[in-house]
Amino acid sequence: MESRIIRLEDNVTDIKVSVGKIETRLDHIEKNMFTKGMAAGYALVAIIAVFGAGWWIVQQYLSPILKALPR
């Protein structure tokens, strides 16, 4: 019975070491993780850029055409 307890204690020690290694890896992953907030920010910037480019095209090409039309 005592030998079983000693083996269990050794196994628990090994498990604690393994859990410590896993926690260290998870901490590193959390620091470098791409979050939903970052994705939303990048999407917003992309939408603004596309809208701005579209607006510029309208100003550059459609405006002269509309000015040339007879009233």
Protein backbone atom coordinates (compact mmCIF):
# COMPACT_ATOMS: atom_id res chain seq x y z
CA MET A 1 0.00 0.00 0.00
CA GLU A 2 2.80 2.40 0.89
CA SER A 3 4.58 1.80 -2.42
CA ARG A 4 1.40 2.73 -4.28
CA ILE A 5 1.16 6.00 -2.37
CA ILE A 6 4.80 6.81 -3.17
CA ARG A 7 4.16 6.18 -6.89
CA LEU A 8 1.04 8.34 -6.76
CA GLU A 9 3.00 11.17 -5.13
CA ASP A 10 5.66 10.90 -7.86
CA ASN A 11 2.97 11.00 -10.53
CA VAL A 12 1.37 14.05 -8.94
CA THR A 13 4.73 15.82 -9.00
CA ASP A 14 5.13 15.00 -12.70
CA ILE A 15 1.62 16.25 -13.39
CA LYS A 16 2.34 19.54 -11.60
CA VAL A 17 5.45 20.07 -13.72
CA SER A 18 3.48 19.34 -16.90
CA VAL A 19 0.69 21.74 -15.91
CA GLY A 20 3.28 24.43 -15.21
CA LYS A 21 4.72 24.02 -18.71
CA ILE A 22 1.23 24.22 -20.23
CA GLU A 23 0.43 27.40 -18.28
CA THR A 24 3.64 29.00 -19.54
CA ARG A 25 2.72 28.19 -23.14
CA LEU A 26 -0.83 29.50 -22.70
CA ASP A 27 0.44 32.77 -21.25
CA HIS A 28 2.68 33.22 -24.30
CA ILE A 29 -0.19 32.44 -26.69
CA GLU A 30 -2.53 34.94 -24.98
CA LYS A 31 0.01 37.75 -25.37
CA ASN A 32 0.31 37.20 -29.14
CA MET A 33 -3.26 36.18 -29.91
CA PHE A 34 -5.33 37.81 -32.68
CA THR A 35 -8.51 38.93 -30.91
CA LYS A 36 -12.03 39.68 -32.10
CA GLY A 37 -11.46 43.34 -31.32
CA MET A 38 -8.38 43.45 -33.52
CA ALA A 39 -10.29 41.72 -36.33
CA ALA A 40 -13.13 44.24 -36.02
CA GLY A 41 -10.67 47.14 -36.10
CA TYR A 42 -8.94 45.84 -39.22
CA ALA A 43 -12.30 45.24 -40.91
CA LEU A 44 -13.39 48.79 -40.09
CA VAL A 45 -10.19 50.23 -41.55
CA ALA A 46 -10.64 48.12 -44.70
CA ILE A 47 -14.26 49.24 -45.11
CA ILE A 48 -13.29 52.89 -44.69
CA ALA A 49 -10.49 52.49 -47.24
CA VAL A 50 -12.80 50.86 -49.80
CA PHE A 51 -15.50 53.50 -49.25
CA GLY A 52 -12.91 56.27 -49.55
CA ALA A 53 -11.54 54.82 -52.78
CA GLY A 54 -15.04 54.53 -54.19
CA TRP A 55 -15.84 58.10 -53.22
CA TRP A 56 -12.63 59.31 -54.92
CA ILE A 57 -13.55 57.45 -58.10
CA VAL A 58 -16.99 59.06 -58.09
CA GLN A 59 -15.47 62.51 -57.66
CA GLN A 60 -12.87 62.01 -60.36
CA TYR A 61 -14.98 60.40 -63.06
CA LEU A 62 -18.65 60.98 -62.39
CA SER A 63 -18.44 64.64 -61.46
CA PRO A 64 -16.96 65.80 -64.83
CA ILE A 65 -19.55 63.72 -66.68
CA LEU A 66 -22.39 65.31 -64.71
CA LYS A 67 -20.96 68.80 -65.27
CA ALA A 68 -20.80 68.19 -69.04
CA LEU A 69 -24.47 67.25 -69.27
CA PRO A 70 -26.80 69.96 -70.48
CA ARG A 71 -29.10 71.43 -67.89
